[in-house]
């Protein structure tokens, strides 16, 4: 019976240890709701599908001349046109990233600054693309800043400035990734807003939920800018992301088409982590606090930034270069247009390796990404609705007798689209990682099992220690100091006489 009790006790304690070692964290709802005033409005990145102005180049005619005769059309195209074409191909559809175009493009190299070329031929500054912008009672056109993404030149609202997103000391100086200059000293991804920060702080937050509290945009692109050669689709790509997350539009986006009004209702998914988990290793809690995982190029850790940096490093190793939109140092080369196929291969391989890493199937050795989620993060789930929108017809009906002919002609030559973004509710229940099985729980559970199976208590352990350790020492010491036997004492007394 004693052996069975000891065996059962050992198995139960083994199960308790497994739970303590492998499942120490539980994710549950936070104790109190989170107001939209406590979180930033998402950064909004808008990328036109139109990548160039027609007065800068005729892409169809230029590409036809360039590729005629199996890529020997250089004599009919000057050097400036070649550089513009090579730059533009990097942000067109992947049609040119395969053979036979890659072999033909391999005859030519990029010279100069590819980003500056893309800026010069882009649809223009934010004011050229944003016809109207309103957030609450404020005009917000000037709040959108140019941002460099894998889609080329985009326009972003509520994004942290480059000096706070990147480690400037490790970054090249050839061009900027963002033109935002706002200071964000009152907010951090781990601690949120400073309690002393005012309502008009940065990144911007809104006062409540609903359409009137969100952001409303009216976008425009002249009809003459439409080009279905470089891009099969026309309109805009819209990406909602955290202000601390660098936008990568190829991974996730919403599409905004011309002559449509799209409404995006936001439902933030907030993940918090208890301070009691600071003592746990990241592998046990399955997340990183911002100070635990230092990235080479990004000053702020989150999973998206980490995966982009991992892709950058892997692309550099596989292709000996990186895409122009990837963060890199001054010694790293920008990939040529004929290396796009290699960049796509790197992207696919990293995606596979990260997936294998996530299920513990394969180690990435020196290429290991280790891109666990951030312990404190915000993701933005969306509900999207759209309806048909005809700005010209509404304008004619409202101002029929007062529209000058030149204004009407100008309006008819522009494609319009509307976008509205707002929070669905004023408060949300955040999710929180808490300690499920700490040291106290482990000791209490082991004590309960020992008491149930063997009648052991803390006093029993003290008694056991006493009789096993203290008692033998005392007995040994007492034995050394004990009086001599009776016979020896008698002999001693007789010797005195």
Protein backbone atom coordinates (compact mmCIF):
# COMPACT_ATOMS: atom_id res chain seq x y z
CA UNK A 1 0.00 0.00 0.00
CA UNK A 2 2.86 2.34 0.84
CA UNK A 3 4.47 1.65 -2.54
CA UNK A 4 1.21 2.38 -4.37
CA UNK A 5 0.81 5.65 -2.45
CA UNK A 6 4.36 6.72 -3.31
CA UNK A 7 3.89 5.79 -6.99
CA UNK A 8 0.55 7.61 -7.27
CA UNK A 9 1.99 10.65 -5.52
CA UNK A 10 4.99 10.72 -7.88
CA UNK A 11 2.81 10.52 -11.00
CA UNK A 12 0.51 13.29 -9.79
CA UNK A 13 3.46 15.54 -8.97
CA UNK A 14 4.90 14.78 -12.42
CA UNK A 15 1.65 15.98 -14.03
CA UNK A 16 1.69 19.10 -11.86
CA UNK A 17 5.26 19.85 -12.92
CA UNK A 18 4.36 19.41 -16.60
CA UNK A 19 1.53 21.94 -16.29
CA UNK A 20 3.79 24.37 -14.46
CA UNK A 21 6.60 24.02 -17.00
CA UNK A 22 4.60 23.88 -20.27
CA UNK A 23 1.38 25.79 -19.58
CA UNK A 24 2.24 28.64 -17.21
CA UNK A 25 0.23 31.33 -19.07
CA UNK A 26 -3.47 31.78 -19.60
CA UNK A 27 -5.10 34.32 -21.92
CA UNK A 28 -8.35 35.75 -20.60
CA UNK A 29 -10.37 38.96 -20.70
CA UNK A 30 -8.94 41.96 -18.89
CA UNK A 31 -10.60 43.02 -15.64
CA UNK A 32 -11.93 46.27 -17.10
CA UNK A 33 -12.84 47.55 -20.58
CA UNK A 34 -10.45 49.69 -22.63
CA UNK A 35 -11.72 52.99 -24.00
CA UNK A 36 -10.84 54.14 -27.52
CA UNK A 37 -9.23 57.15 -25.81
CA UNK A 38 -6.59 54.80 -24.41
CA UNK A 39 -5.46 53.47 -27.80
CA UNK A 40 -4.27 55.27 -30.93
CA UNK A 41 -6.33 55.45 -34.07
CA UNK A 42 -4.78 53.05 -36.59
CA UNK A 43 -2.21 54.27 -39.04
CA UNK A 44 -3.82 54.44 -42.49
CA UNK A 45 -1.60 53.77 -45.51
CA UNK A 46 -3.05 54.50 -48.96
CA UNK A 47 -1.24 53.29 -52.07
CA UNK A 48 -2.53 54.33 -55.52
CA UNK A 49 -2.50 51.52 -58.06
CA UNK A 50 -1.51 54.22 -60.54
CA UNK A 51 2.26 54.46 -60.24
CA UNK A 52 3.15 57.25 -62.65
CA UNK A 53 1.91 60.35 -64.41
CA UNK A 54 1.44 60.04 -68.19
CA UNK A 55 3.43 63.21 -68.83
CA UNK A 56 6.46 61.47 -67.31
CA UNK A 57 6.34 58.41 -69.57
CA UNK A 58 4.17 56.22 -71.75
CA UNK A 59 4.79 52.87 -70.11
CA UNK A 60 3.17 50.73 -72.80
CA UNK A 61 5.08 52.35 -75.65
CA UNK A 62 8.33 52.47 -73.69
CA UNK A 63 8.22 48.81 -72.62
CA UNK A 64 7.33 47.73 -76.15
CA UNK A 65 10.32 49.58 -77.58
CA UNK A 66 12.60 48.31 -74.82
CA UNK A 67 11.73 44.63 -75.13
CA UNK A 68 11.42 44.50 -78.92
CA UNK A 69 13.90 42.20 -80.55
CA UNK A 70 14.34 40.08 -77.40
CA UNK A 71 15.60 42.98 -75.33
CA UNK A 72 17.82 44.63 -77.92
CA UNK A 73 15.74 47.77 -78.22
CA UNK A 74 18.25 49.86 -76.33
CA UNK A 75 19.10 51.87 -79.43
CA UNK A 76 15.53 53.22 -79.61
CA UNK A 77 15.36 54.12 -75.89
CA UNK A 78 17.63 56.66 -74.20
CA UNK A 79 19.42 56.09 -70.90
CA UNK A 80 16.99 58.17 -68.82
CA UNK A 81 14.02 56.21 -70.15
CA UNK A 82 15.79 52.94 -69.40
CA UNK A 83 16.40 53.98 -65.79
CA UNK A 84 12.78 55.06 -65.39
CA UNK A 85 11.54 51.78 -66.86
CA UNK A 86 13.85 49.67 -64.67
CA UNK A 87 12.66 51.53 -61.58
CA UNK A 88 8.98 51.26 -62.46
CA UNK A 89 9.13 47.53 -63.24
CA UNK A 90 10.01 46.91 -59.59
CA UNK A 91 6.55 48.08 -58.47
CA UNK A 92 4.48 46.76 -61.37
CA UNK A 93 2.67 43.43 -61.24
CA UNK A 94 4.87 40.34 -61.15
CA UNK A 95 4.47 39.90 -64.89
CA UNK A 96 8.05 41.10 -65.44
CA UNK A 97 9.56 38.98 -62.65
CA UNK A 98 9.62 35.84 -64.81
CA UNK A 99 11.25 34.72 -68.02
CA UNK A 100 11.86 35.84 -70.69
CA UNK A 101 11.84 39.34 -69.17
CA UNK A 102 14.37 38.57 -66.43
CA UNK A 103 16.99 37.49 -68.98
CA UNK A 104 16.39 40.61 -71.06
CA UNK A 105 16.53 42.89 -68.01
CA UNK A 106 19.81 41.31 -66.89
CA UNK A 107 21.58 43.29 -69.63
CA UNK A 108 20.95 46.59 -67.82
CA UNK A 109 21.68 47.93 -64.34
CA UNK A 110 20.08 50.65 -62.28
CA UNK A 111 22.01 53.88 -61.88
CA UNK A 112 21.16 56.68 -59.50
CA UNK A 113 18.48 56.73 -56.82
CA UNK A 114 15.53 54.45 -57.59
CA UNK A 115 13.37 56.00 -54.85
CA UNK A 116 13.93 59.50 -56.17
CA UNK A 117 12.91 58.29 -59.64
CA UNK A 118 9.71 56.75 -58.27
CA UNK A 119 8.92 59.98 -56.41
CA UNK A 120 9.39 62.09 -59.52
CA UNK A 121 6.98 60.02 -61.63
CA UNK A 122 4.43 59.26 -58.85
CA UNK A 123 0.91 60.80 -58.93
CA UNK A 124 2.25 63.55 -56.68
CA UNK A 125 2.14 64.83 -53.12
CA UNK A 126 -0.72 63.80 -50.80
CA UNK A 127 -2.65 66.96 -51.74
CA UNK A 128 -2.77 65.75 -55.36
CA UNK A 129 -4.42 62.46 -54.36
CA UNK A 130 -6.53 63.54 -51.38
CA UNK A 131 -9.38 65.71 -52.59
CA UNK A 132 -10.87 65.98 -49.11
CA UNK A 133 -9.99 64.70 -45.63
CA UNK A 134 -11.83 65.27 -42.38
CA UNK A 135 -11.33 63.86 -38.89
CA UNK A 136 -13.90 65.06 -36.36
CA UNK A 137 -13.85 68.83 -36.91
CA UNK A 138 -10.36 69.02 -38.40
CA UNK A 139 -9.06 68.96 -41.97
CA UNK A 140 -6.48 66.19 -42.18
CA UNK A 141 -4.95 66.37 -45.67
CA UNK A 142 -1.70 67.72 -44.21
CA UNK A 143 -1.60 64.84 -41.73
CA UNK A 144 -0.84 62.37 -44.54
CA UNK A 145 2.86 61.98 -45.29
CA UNK A 146 4.76 60.15 -48.00
CA UNK A 147 5.84 56.65 -47.01
CA UNK A 148 8.05 54.25 -48.94
CA UNK A 149 6.60 50.73 -49.18
CA UNK A 150 6.93 47.68 -51.40
CA UNK A 151 4.22 49.35 -53.54
CA UNK A 152 6.40 52.40 -54.12
CA UNK A 153 5.28 55.84 -52.91
CA UNK A 154 2.27 55.68 -50.59
CA UNK A 155 0.61 58.13 -48.20
CA UNK A 156 0.27 57.38 -44.49
CA UNK A 157 -1.65 58.99 -41.64
CA UNK A 158 -0.79 58.53 -37.93
CA UNK A 159 2.50 56.73 -38.54
CA UNK A 160 5.50 57.23 -36.25
CA UNK A 161 8.38 59.26 -37.72
CA UNK A 162 11.39 57.52 -39.19
CA UNK A 163 13.67 58.60 -36.33
CA UNK A 164 11.49 56.64 -33.88
CA UNK A 165 10.71 53.60 -36.04
CA UNK A 166 14.27 52.88 -37.19
CA UNK A 167 17.71 52.72 -35.62
CA UNK A 168 19.17 55.59 -37.59
CA UNK A 169 22.75 54.61 -36.78
CA UNK A 170 22.32 51.31 -38.68
CA UNK A 171 20.41 52.78 -41.62
CA UNK A 172 21.74 54.16 -44.89
CA UNK A 173 21.41 57.85 -45.81
CA UNK A 174 20.44 57.54 -49.48
CA UNK A 175 16.72 58.24 -48.99
CA UNK A 176 13.99 58.45 -46.35
CA UNK A 177 11.32 55.84 -45.67
CA UNK A 178 8.87 58.35 -44.20
CA UNK A 179 8.53 62.12 -44.25
CA UNK A 180 6.57 62.26 -40.98
CA UNK A 181 8.17 64.61 -38.43
CA UNK A 182 5.71 64.32 -35.54
CA UNK A 183 7.01 63.74 -32.01
CA UNK A 184 5.47 60.81 -30.11
CA UNK A 185 7.00 61.21 -26.66
CA UNK A 186 3.59 60.75 -25.01
CA UNK A 187 2.93 57.20 -26.31
CA UNK A 188 4.69 53.85 -26.37
CA UNK A 189 3.55 50.43 -27.54
CA UNK A 190 4.13 48.90 -24.10
CA UNK A 191 2.75 51.61 -21.80
CA UNK A 192 0.23 53.37 -24.03
CA UNK A 193 -0.46 57.09 -23.62
CA UNK A 194 1.05 59.15 -20.85
CA UNK A 195 -1.78 60.11 -18.43
CA UNK A 196 -0.63 63.73 -18.73
CA UNK A 197 -0.94 63.75 -22.55
CA UNK A 198 -3.66 65.95 -24.00
CA UNK A 199 -6.37 64.86 -26.39
CA UNK A 200 -4.56 66.34 -29.40
CA UNK A 201 -1.45 64.21 -28.98
CA UNK A 202 0.42 62.00 -31.45
CA UNK A 203 -0.25 59.36 -32.61
CA UNK A 204 -3.74 60.76 -32.85
CA UNK A 205 -6.69 59.27 -31.00
CA UNK A 206 -10.39 59.90 -31.35
CA UNK A 207 -12.99 60.89 -28.79
CA UNK A 208 -15.57 58.20 -29.44
CA UNK A 209 -17.11 55.71 -31.82
CA UNK A 210 -19.27 56.09 -34.91
CA UNK A 211 -18.99 57.75 -38.30
CA UNK A 212 -18.74 61.33 -37.02
CA UNK A 213 -15.77 60.49 -34.78
CA UNK A 214 -13.76 58.72 -37.48
CA UNK A 215 -11.82 59.80 -40.54
CA UNK A 216 -13.49 60.60 -43.87
CA UNK A 217 -11.52 60.70 -47.13
CA UNK A 218 -12.32 61.58 -50.72
CA UNK A 219 -9.60 60.48 -53.13
CA UNK A 220 -8.98 61.41 -56.73
CA UNK A 221 -6.91 60.21 -59.68
CA UNK A 222 -7.23 61.77 -63.17
CA UNK A 223 -8.67 59.39 -65.74
CA UNK A 224 -5.66 60.05 -67.95
CA UNK A 225 -3.45 58.42 -65.28
CA UNK A 226 -5.11 55.02 -65.68
CA UNK A 227 -2.73 52.33 -66.88
CA UNK A 228 -3.57 48.64 -67.14
CA UNK A 229 -0.18 47.60 -68.46
CA UNK A 230 1.88 48.09 -65.31
CA UNK A 231 -1.06 47.25 -63.02
CA UNK A 232 -4.05 45.12 -63.94
CA UNK A 233 -6.23 46.74 -61.25
CA UNK A 234 -6.85 50.45 -60.76
CA UNK A 235 -7.91 52.27 -57.62
CA UNK A 236 -6.20 52.21 -54.22
CA UNK A 237 -4.83 49.74 -51.72
CA UNK A 238 -5.64 50.60 -48.10
CA UNK A 239 -3.76 49.19 -45.13
CA UNK A 240 -4.67 49.69 -41.45
CA UNK A 241 -1.86 48.99 -39.02
CA UNK A 242 -0.39 50.02 -35.69
CA UNK A 243 1.43 53.40 -35.70
CA UNK A 244 4.60 51.53 -34.67
CA UNK A 245 4.32 48.94 -37.46
CA UNK A 246 6.04 49.56 -40.77
CA UNK A 247 3.49 49.03 -43.58
CA UNK A 248 3.95 46.05 -45.91
CA UNK A 249 1.06 46.24 -48.34
CA UNK A 250 1.82 42.98 -50.14
CA UNK A 251 0.81 40.98 -47.04
CA UNK A 252 -2.59 42.47 -46.25
CA UNK A 253 -4.68 45.26 -47.70
CA UNK A 254 -8.20 46.37 -48.54
CA UNK A 255 -9.06 47.51 -52.04
CA UNK A 256 -10.79 50.80 -52.81
CA UNK A 257 -12.10 51.06 -56.37
CA UNK A 258 -13.10 54.16 -58.31
CA UNK A 259 -16.73 55.34 -58.18
CA UNK A 260 -17.32 53.50 -54.91
CA UNK A 261 -17.67 54.54 -51.28
CA UNK A 262 -16.10 52.08 -48.84
CA UNK A 263 -16.81 52.10 -45.11
CA UNK A 264 -14.37 50.36 -42.77
CA UNK A 265 -15.59 49.67 -39.24
CA UNK A 266 -12.71 48.97 -36.86
CA UNK A 267 -12.71 46.44 -34.05
CA UNK A 268 -9.37 46.64 -32.21
CA UNK A 269 -7.91 43.42 -30.86
CA UNK A 270 -5.86 44.47 -27.84
CA UNK A 271 -3.42 42.08 -26.18
CA UNK A 272 -1.89 42.99 -22.82
CA UNK A 273 0.53 41.06 -20.61
CA UNK A 274 0.67 41.01 -16.82
CA UNK A 275 3.84 42.29 -15.14
CA UNK A 276 4.02 39.01 -13.22
CA UNK A 277 5.19 37.36 -16.46
CA UNK A 278 8.34 39.50 -16.73
CA UNK A 279 10.31 36.81 -14.90
CA UNK A 280 9.32 34.15 -17.43
CA UNK A 281 11.44 33.48 -20.50
CA UNK A 282 9.94 34.58 -23.85
CA UNK A 283 9.71 30.95 -24.98
CA UNK A 284 7.48 30.12 -21.99
CA UNK A 285 5.16 33.11 -22.26
CA UNK A 286 5.31 33.04 -26.11
CA UNK A 287 5.87 36.78 -26.56
CA UNK A 288 8.55 39.47 -26.35
CA UNK A 289 8.51 42.63 -24.32
CA UNK A 290 9.96 45.50 -26.35
CA UNK A 291 13.23 45.60 -24.39
CA UNK A 292 13.90 41.87 -24.78
CA UNK A 293 14.27 41.54 -28.55
CA UNK A 294 16.62 44.02 -30.17
CA UNK A 295 16.28 44.36 -33.93
CA UNK A 296 19.09 45.60 -36.13
CA UNK A 297 17.15 48.22 -38.08
CA UNK A 298 13.94 48.77 -36.09
CA UNK A 299 13.94 50.62 -32.78
CA UNK A 300 10.47 49.29 -31.88
CA UNK A 301 9.79 45.57 -31.66
CA UNK A 302 6.62 44.02 -33.01
CA UNK A 303 6.03 40.86 -35.00
CA UNK A 304 5.54 42.65 -38.33
CA UNK A 305 8.78 44.65 -38.02
CA UNK A 306 10.66 41.53 -36.97
CA UNK A 307 9.40 39.50 -39.93
CA UNK A 308 10.28 42.30 -42.35
CA UNK A 309 13.80 42.46 -40.96
CA UNK A 310 14.08 38.67 -41.18
CA UNK A 311 12.97 38.80 -44.82
CA UNK A 312 15.51 41.56 -45.45
CA UNK A 313 18.37 39.51 -44.00
CA UNK A 314 17.31 36.37 -45.85
CA UNK A 315 16.97 38.24 -49.16
CA UNK A 316 20.42 39.75 -48.71
CA UNK A 317 21.87 36.29 -48.06
CA UNK A 318 20.08 34.60 -50.98
CA UNK A 319 20.25 37.36 -53.59
CA UNK A 320 23.22 39.46 -52.36
CA UNK A 321 20.89 42.47 -52.38
CA UNK A 322 17.62 43.77 -50.88
CA UNK A 323 14.47 45.40 -52.23
CA UNK A 324 14.55 49.22 -52.24
CA UNK A 325 11.74 49.32 -49.63
CA UNK A 326 13.61 47.13 -47.13
CA UNK A 327 15.67 48.73 -44.36
CA UNK A 328 19.39 48.25 -44.93
CA UNK A 329 22.79 49.75 -44.25
CA UNK A 330 24.96 51.71 -46.64
CA UNK A 331 26.98 48.66 -47.69
CA UNK A 332 24.01 46.65 -48.99
CA UNK A 333 23.15 46.76 -52.67
CA UNK A 334 19.64 47.43 -54.02
CA UNK A 335 18.31 44.55 -56.10
CA UNK A 336 18.23 45.06 -59.84
CA UNK A 337 15.04 44.56 -61.84
CA UNK A 338 16.31 41.21 -63.15
CA UNK A 339 16.66 39.97 -59.54
CA UNK A 340 12.95 40.24 -58.74
CA UNK A 341 12.50 36.50 -59.21
CA UNK A 342 15.14 35.87 -56.54
CA UNK A 343 13.37 38.32 -54.18
CA UNK A 344 10.08 36.48 -54.67
CA UNK A 345 11.83 33.17 -54.00
CA UNK A 346 13.28 34.58 -50.77
CA UNK A 347 9.84 35.78 -49.71
CA UNK A 348 8.31 32.34 -50.30
CA UNK A 349 11.13 30.53 -48.49
CA UNK A 350 10.96 32.80 -45.44
CA UNK A 351 7.21 32.32 -45.27
CA UNK A 352 7.70 28.55 -45.27
CA UNK A 353 10.52 28.67 -42.73
CA UNK A 354 8.55 30.87 -40.34
CA UNK A 355 5.61 28.49 -40.60
CA UNK A 356 7.86 25.51 -39.81
CA UNK A 357 9.43 27.43 -36.95
CA UNK A 358 5.98 28.15 -35.56
CA UNK A 359 5.06 24.47 -35.36
CA UNK A 360 8.49 23.46 -34.10
CA UNK A 361 9.23 21.37 -37.19
CA UNK A 362 12.41 23.01 -38.38
CA UNK A 363 15.05 25.33 -36.98
CA UNK A 364 16.25 28.26 -39.06
CA UNK A 365 19.77 28.00 -37.56
CA UNK A 366 21.57 31.30 -38.16
CA UNK A 367 18.62 32.55 -40.24
CA UNK A 368 16.17 31.97 -37.42
CA UNK A 369 13.65 34.78 -37.26
CA UNK A 370 12.35 34.26 -33.69
CA UNK A 371 9.49 36.65 -34.41
CA UNK A 372 7.17 35.97 -31.50
CA UNK A 373 4.26 38.39 -31.03
CA UNK A 374 4.84 41.49 -28.94
CA UNK A 375 3.56 41.06 -25.38
CA UNK A 376 1.54 44.28 -25.69
CA UNK A 377 0.04 44.81 -29.12
CA UNK A 378 -2.93 46.17 -31.05
CA UNK A 379 -4.35 44.61 -34.20
CA UNK A 380 -7.27 46.07 -36.11
CA UNK A 381 -9.99 43.74 -37.34
CA UNK A 382 -12.33 45.28 -39.90
CA UNK A 383 -15.85 45.09 -41.26
CA UNK A 384 -16.05 46.43 -44.81
CA UNK A 385 -19.09 47.61 -46.74
CA UNK A 386 -19.26 49.47 -50.03
CA UNK A 387 -21.76 51.16 -52.29
CA UNK A 388 -21.73 52.84 -55.68
CA UNK A 389 -20.72 56.48 -55.68
CA UNK A 390 -21.04 59.00 -58.52
CA UNK A 391 -19.51 62.32 -57.56
CA UNK A 392 -20.11 63.91 -60.97
CA UNK A 393 -23.83 63.16 -61.04
CA UNK A 394 -24.32 64.49 -57.50
CA UNK A 395 -22.30 67.60 -58.32
CA UNK A 396 -24.35 68.31 -61.45
CA UNK A 397 -27.67 67.93 -59.64
CA UNK A 398 -26.63 70.15 -56.74
CA UNK A 399 -24.88 72.90 -58.68
CA UNK A 400 -26.39 72.50 -62.15
CA UNK A 401 -26.87 76.17 -62.96
CA UNK A 402 -23.68 77.39 -61.31
CA UNK A 403 -21.00 75.09 -62.72
CA UNK A 404 -18.60 76.87 -65.11
CA UNK A 405 -17.83 74.89 -68.23
CA UNK A 406 -14.12 74.60 -67.45
CA UNK A 407 -14.84 73.29 -63.93
CA UNK A 408 -17.28 70.71 -65.28
CA UNK A 409 -14.75 69.57 -67.86
CA UNK A 410 -12.10 69.23 -65.17
CA UNK A 411 -14.39 67.17 -62.90
CA UNK A 412 -15.39 64.76 -65.65
CA UNK A 413 -11.72 63.92 -66.21
CA UNK A 414 -11.17 62.71 -62.63
CA UNK A 415 -11.92 59.36 -60.96
CA UNK A 416 -13.19 59.74 -57.41
CA UNK A 417 -13.53 57.33 -54.49
CA UNK A 418 -14.68 57.72 -50.88
CA UNK A 419 -13.38 56.09 -47.73
CA UNK A 420 -14.71 56.29 -44.15
CA UNK A 421 -12.99 54.65 -41.16
CA UNK A 422 -14.31 54.62 -37.59
CA UNK A 423 -14.50 52.54 -34.41
CA UNK A 424 -17.56 50.37 -33.97
CA UNK A 425 -17.77 50.84 -30.18
CA UNK A 426 -16.41 53.27 -27.61
CA UNK A 427 -15.06 50.52 -25.33
CA UNK A 428 -13.52 47.12 -25.92
CA UNK A 429 -12.54 44.19 -23.74
CA UNK A 430 -8.82 43.60 -24.09
CA UNK A 431 -7.25 40.17 -23.82
CA UNK A 432 -4.57 39.72 -21.18
CA UNK A 433 -1.85 37.15 -20.57
CA UNK A 434 -1.75 36.20 -16.90
CA UNK A 435 0.20 33.74 -14.81
CA UNK A 436 -1.79 30.51 -14.66
CA UNK A 437 0.56 28.34 -12.65
CA UNK A 438 3.23 30.15 -10.62
CA UNK A 439 5.56 28.99 -7.86
CA UNK A 440 2.88 29.42 -5.21
CA UNK A 441 0.42 27.28 -7.17
CA UNK A 442 3.08 24.65 -7.84
CA UNK A 443 4.01 24.31 -4.15
CA UNK A 444 0.37 24.34 -3.05
CA UNK A 445 -0.59 21.61 -5.52
CA UNK A 446 2.40 19.44 -4.60
CA UNK A 447 1.60 19.89 -0.91
CA UNK A 448 -2.01 18.89 -1.50
CA UNK A 449 -0.98 15.71 -3.33
CA UNK A 450 1.57 14.79 -0.65
CA UNK A 451 -1.02 15.35 2.06
CA UNK A 452 -3.65 13.32 0.22
CA UNK A 453 -1.47 10.35 -0.67
CA UNK A 454 0.99 10.18 2.22
CA UNK A 455 -0.37 12.41 4.96
CA UNK A 456 2.60 14.72 4.57
CA UNK A 457 2.46 18.30 5.84
CA UNK A 458 4.99 21.05 6.37
CA UNK A 459 5.44 19.93 9.98
CA UNK A 460 6.07 16.41 8.73
CA UNK A 461 8.84 17.71 6.50
CA UNK A 462 10.34 19.63 9.43
CA UNK A 463 10.23 16.47 11.57
CA UNK A 464 11.79 14.45 8.75
CA UNK A 465 14.61 16.96 8.39
CA UNK A 466 15.10 16.95 12.16
CA UNK A 467 15.36 13.17 12.53
CA UNK A 468 17.43 12.74 9.36
CA UNK A 469 19.88 15.60 9.78
CA UNK A 470 19.77 17.34 13.14
CA UNK A 471 19.15 14.36 15.44
CA UNK A 472 22.11 12.25 14.22
CA UNK A 473 24.47 15.19 14.65
CA UNK A 474 23.25 15.79 18.20
CA UNK A 475 23.56 12.11 19.06
CA UNK A 476 27.08 12.00 17.66
CA UNK A 477 28.13 15.08 19.59
CA UNK A 478 26.51 13.76 22.79
CA UNK A 479 28.32 10.46 22.37
CA UNK A 480 31.69 12.22 22.28
CA UNK A 481 30.95 14.18 25.45
CA UNK A 482 29.38 11.26 27.48
CA UNK A 483 30.96 10.27 30.94
CA UNK A 484 33.38 7.27 31.15
CA UNK A 485 32.04 3.81 32.06
CA UNK A 486 31.54 2.75 35.78
CA UNK A 487 34.58 0.40 35.83
CA UNK A 488 36.86 3.22 34.72
CA UNK A 489 35.46 5.48 37.41
CA UNK A 490 36.08 2.79 40.13
CA UNK A 491 39.69 2.35 39.01
CA UNK A 492 40.14 6.08 39.11
CA UNK A 493 38.83 6.28 42.69
CA UNK A 494 41.09 3.38 43.87
CA UNK A 495 44.12 5.05 42.41
CA UNK A 496 43.57 8.00 44.66
CA UNK A 497 44.23 5.81 47.71
